[in-house]
Amino acid sequence: MAFVYLLKSLKEDWVYVGSTNNLVKRLEQHNRGEARSTKFRAPYKLIYFEEFDKISSARAREKEIKTSRFQKLKILALSSNG
């Protein structure tokens, strides 16, 4: 399994989009400050994820979300309604 995920910083108004094959472990790494791109904004809350069969599919979706402001806003809106 592979995942694309959105994390919300509990420290700042900031959202991170990433992909991984182990969602629990990756969230722990983000919260421990072990990920260079997110270590200064920890801790984080998982606000959204999608599951894929292959990591390549998750990475393609991650790229789509990162390059499309509309996609990111749509996902954020859906995750805040739940």
N, C-alpha and C. Protein backbone atom coordinates (compact mmCIF):
# COMPACT_ATOMS: atom_id res chain seq x y z
N MET A 1 0.83 -1.19 0.00
CA MET A 1 0.00 0.00 0.00
C MET A 1 0.87 1.25 0.00
N ALA A 2 0.32 2.30 -0.55
CA ALA A 2 0.99 3.60 -0.57
C ALA A 2 -0.06 4.67 -0.31
N PHE A 3 0.40 5.82 0.14
CA PHE A 3 -0.52 6.88 0.54
C PHE A 3 -0.02 8.25 0.09
N VAL A 4 -0.96 9.12 -0.22
CA VAL A 4 -0.70 10.54 -0.32
C VAL A 4 -1.43 11.15 0.87
N TYR A 5 -0.84 12.15 1.52
CA TYR A 5 -1.42 12.65 2.76
C TYR A 5 -1.23 14.15 2.89
N LEU A 6 -2.09 14.76 3.69
CA LEU A 6 -1.98 16.17 4.03
C LEU A 6 -1.86 16.28 5.54
N LEU A 7 -0.87 17.05 5.97
CA LEU A 7 -0.66 17.31 7.39
C LEU A 7 -0.89 18.79 7.66
N LYS A 8 -1.53 19.07 8.75
CA LYS A 8 -1.75 20.45 9.20
C LYS A 8 -0.83 20.69 10.38
N SER A 9 -0.03 21.76 10.29
CA SER A 9 0.83 22.13 11.41
C SER A 9 -0.04 22.64 12.54
N LEU A 10 0.24 22.18 13.74
CA LEU A 10 -0.48 22.69 14.92
C LEU A 10 0.21 23.92 15.47
N LYS A 11 1.34 24.28 14.90
CA LYS A 11 2.12 25.43 15.33
C LYS A 11 1.82 26.66 14.47
N GLU A 12 1.60 26.45 13.18
CA GLU A 12 1.37 27.53 12.22
C GLU A 12 0.21 27.17 11.31
N ASP A 13 -0.27 28.14 10.57
CA ASP A 13 -1.31 27.89 9.58
C ASP A 13 -0.63 27.43 8.29
N TRP A 14 -0.32 26.14 8.23
CA TRP A 14 0.47 25.59 7.14
C TRP A 14 0.08 24.14 6.90
N VAL A 15 -0.01 23.75 5.64
CA VAL A 15 -0.38 22.39 5.25
C VAL A 15 0.73 21.80 4.39
N TYR A 16 1.08 20.56 4.67
CA TYR A 16 2.11 19.83 3.93
C TYR A 16 1.46 18.67 3.18
N VAL A 17 1.89 18.46 1.95
CA VAL A 17 1.42 17.33 1.14
C VAL A 17 2.61 16.40 0.90
N GLY A 18 2.42 15.10 1.15
CA GLY A 18 3.49 14.14 0.94
C GLY A 18 2.95 12.78 0.53
N SER A 19 3.87 11.86 0.27
CA SER A 19 3.49 10.49 -0.07
C SER A 19 4.45 9.54 0.64
N THR A 20 3.96 8.33 0.92
CA THR A 20 4.74 7.35 1.65
C THR A 20 4.14 5.96 1.47
N ASN A 21 4.91 4.95 1.86
CA ASN A 21 4.36 3.59 1.87
C ASN A 21 4.06 3.14 3.30
N ASN A 22 4.35 4.00 4.30
CA ASN A 22 4.03 3.68 5.69
C ASN A 22 3.55 4.97 6.37
N LEU A 23 2.26 5.18 6.38
CA LEU A 23 1.68 6.43 6.85
C LEU A 23 1.93 6.68 8.34
N VAL A 24 1.78 5.67 9.16
CA VAL A 24 1.97 5.83 10.61
C VAL A 24 3.41 6.22 10.92
N LYS A 25 4.35 5.50 10.34
CA LYS A 25 5.77 5.78 10.57
C LYS A 25 6.14 7.18 10.07
N ARG A 26 5.63 7.55 8.91
CA ARG A 26 5.97 8.86 8.34
C ARG A 26 5.42 10.00 9.19
N LEU A 27 4.21 9.86 9.70
CA LEU A 27 3.64 10.89 10.57
C LEU A 27 4.49 11.03 11.83
N GLU A 28 4.93 9.91 12.39
CA GLU A 28 5.81 9.95 13.56
C GLU A 28 7.12 10.68 13.24
N GLN A 29 7.67 10.42 12.06
CA GLN A 29 8.91 11.09 11.66
C GLN A 29 8.71 12.60 11.55
N HIS A 30 7.60 13.01 10.95
CA HIS A 30 7.30 14.44 10.85
C HIS A 30 7.19 15.05 12.25
N ASN A 31 6.50 14.40 13.14
CA ASN A 31 6.29 14.96 14.47
C ASN A 31 7.55 14.96 15.34
N ARG A 32 8.50 14.09 15.05
CA ARG A 32 9.78 14.08 15.78
C ARG A 32 10.79 15.04 15.17
N GLY A 33 10.42 15.70 14.07
CA GLY A 33 11.33 16.63 13.41
C GLY A 33 12.38 15.97 12.55
N GLU A 34 12.13 14.75 12.10
CA GLU A 34 13.10 14.00 11.31
C GLU A 34 13.00 14.24 9.81
N ALA A 35 11.99 15.00 9.39
CA ALA A 35 11.84 15.32 7.97
C ALA A 35 12.29 16.77 7.77
N ARG A 36 13.30 16.96 6.96
CA ARG A 36 13.90 18.28 6.78
C ARG A 36 12.88 19.34 6.37
N SER A 37 11.97 18.99 5.49
CA SER A 37 11.03 19.99 4.96
C SER A 37 9.95 20.41 5.96
N THR A 38 9.79 19.65 7.05
CA THR A 38 8.70 19.97 7.98
C THR A 38 9.14 20.16 9.42
N LYS A 39 10.41 19.99 9.72
CA LYS A 39 10.84 19.94 11.12
C LYS A 39 10.60 21.22 11.91
N PHE A 40 10.55 22.37 11.26
CA PHE A 40 10.37 23.61 12.00
C PHE A 40 8.92 23.97 12.28
N ARG A 41 7.99 23.19 11.73
CA ARG A 41 6.57 23.49 11.93
C ARG A 41 5.83 22.41 12.72
N ALA A 42 6.56 21.44 13.28
CA ALA A 42 5.96 20.36 14.07
C ALA A 42 5.39 20.93 15.36
N PRO A 43 4.39 20.30 15.91
CA PRO A 43 3.77 19.01 15.58
C PRO A 43 2.70 19.14 14.50
N TYR A 44 2.27 17.98 14.01
CA TYR A 44 1.30 17.90 12.92
C TYR A 44 0.11 17.02 13.27
N LYS A 45 -0.97 17.30 12.56
CA LYS A 45 -2.18 16.48 12.63
C LYS A 45 -2.48 16.00 11.21
N LEU A 46 -2.73 14.72 11.05
CA LEU A 46 -3.13 14.18 9.75
C LEU A 46 -4.55 14.64 9.47
N ILE A 47 -4.74 15.36 8.36
CA ILE A 47 -6.08 15.86 8.05
C ILE A 47 -6.72 15.17 6.86
N TYR A 48 -5.91 14.45 6.05
CA TYR A 48 -6.47 13.81 4.86
C TYR A 48 -5.47 12.79 4.32
N PHE A 49 -5.97 11.68 3.76
CA PHE A 49 -5.10 10.76 3.04
C PHE A 49 -5.90 9.99 2.00
N GLU A 50 -5.20 9.51 0.99
CA GLU A 50 -5.75 8.64 -0.04
C GLU A 50 -4.83 7.43 -0.14
N GLU A 51 -5.40 6.27 -0.40
CA GLU A 51 -4.63 5.03 -0.47
C GLU A 51 -4.50 4.57 -1.92
N PHE A 52 -3.31 4.04 -2.26
CA PHE A 52 -3.02 3.56 -3.61
C PHE A 52 -2.33 2.21 -3.55
N ASP A 53 -2.38 1.49 -4.65
CA ASP A 53 -1.71 0.19 -4.73
C ASP A 53 -0.20 0.32 -4.89
N LYS A 54 0.25 1.39 -5.56
CA LYS A 54 1.67 1.57 -5.85
C LYS A 54 2.13 2.95 -5.41
N ILE A 55 3.38 3.05 -4.97
CA ILE A 55 3.93 4.32 -4.55
C ILE A 55 4.01 5.30 -5.73
N SER A 56 4.20 4.79 -6.92
CA SER A 56 4.25 5.67 -8.10
C SER A 56 2.91 6.38 -8.30
N SER A 57 1.82 5.70 -8.02
CA SER A 57 0.50 6.32 -8.13
C SER A 57 0.29 7.38 -7.05
N ALA A 58 0.76 7.09 -5.86
CA ALA A 58 0.66 8.07 -4.76
C ALA A 58 1.49 9.31 -5.07
N ARG A 59 2.68 9.11 -5.61
CA ARG A 59 3.54 10.25 -5.94
C ARG A 59 2.96 11.09 -7.07
N ALA A 60 2.32 10.43 -8.02
CA ALA A 60 1.67 11.17 -9.10
C ALA A 60 0.52 12.02 -8.55
N ARG A 61 -0.24 11.47 -7.63
CA ARG A 61 -1.33 12.22 -7.00
C ARG A 61 -0.79 13.36 -6.15
N GLU A 62 0.31 13.12 -5.44
CA GLU A 62 0.96 14.17 -4.66
C GLU A 62 1.34 15.34 -5.56
N LYS A 63 1.95 15.04 -6.69
CA LYS A 63 2.35 16.08 -7.64
C LYS A 63 1.13 16.85 -8.15
N GLU A 64 0.07 16.12 -8.44
CA GLU A 64 -1.17 16.75 -8.91
C GLU A 64 -1.71 17.73 -7.88
N ILE A 65 -1.73 17.32 -6.62
CA ILE A 65 -2.23 18.18 -5.56
C ILE A 65 -1.34 19.41 -5.39
N LYS A 66 -0.03 19.19 -5.40
CA LYS A 66 0.91 20.29 -5.19
C LYS A 66 0.87 21.31 -6.32
N THR A 67 0.60 20.87 -7.54
CA THR A 67 0.61 21.79 -8.67
C THR A 67 -0.76 22.39 -8.97
N SER A 68 -1.79 21.91 -8.31
CA SER A 68 -3.14 22.42 -8.55
C SER A 68 -3.71 23.02 -7.28
N ARG A 69 -3.72 24.32 -7.21
CA ARG A 69 -4.28 25.01 -6.04
C ARG A 69 -5.74 24.60 -5.83
N PHE A 70 -6.48 24.42 -6.92
CA PHE A 70 -7.88 24.02 -6.83
C PHE A 70 -8.02 22.67 -6.13
N GLN A 71 -7.18 21.69 -6.50
CA GLN A 71 -7.23 20.36 -5.90
C GLN A 71 -6.96 20.43 -4.40
N LYS A 72 -5.94 21.20 -4.02
CA LYS A 72 -5.57 21.32 -2.61
C LYS A 72 -6.70 21.97 -1.82
N LEU A 73 -7.28 23.03 -2.35
CA LEU A 73 -8.38 23.71 -1.65
C LEU A 73 -9.60 22.81 -1.53
N LYS A 74 -9.89 22.04 -2.57
CA LYS A 74 -11.02 21.12 -2.55
C LYS A 74 -10.82 20.06 -1.46
N ILE A 75 -9.64 19.50 -1.37
CA ILE A 75 -9.34 18.49 -0.36
C ILE A 75 -9.43 19.10 1.04
N LEU A 76 -8.87 20.29 1.21
CA LEU A 76 -8.94 20.95 2.52
C LEU A 76 -10.39 21.21 2.92
N ALA A 77 -11.21 21.62 1.99
CA ALA A 77 -12.63 21.86 2.28
C ALA A 77 -13.32 20.57 2.69
N LEU A 78 -13.05 19.50 1.98
CA LEU A 78 -13.66 18.21 2.32
C LEU A 78 -13.21 17.71 3.68
N SER A 79 -11.93 17.88 4.00
CA SER A 79 -11.41 17.38 5.27
C SER A 79 -11.92 18.22 6.44
N SER A 80 -12.24 19.46 6.24
CA SER A 80 -12.74 20.29 7.33
C SER A 80 -14.23 20.07 7.62
N ASN A 81 -14.91 19.39 6.70
CA ASN A 81 -16.35 19.12 6.88
C ASN A 81 -16.60 17.83 7.64
N GLY A 82 -15.55 17.08 7.97
CA GLY A 82 -15.73 15.77 8.59
C GLY A 82 -15.52 15.71 10.04
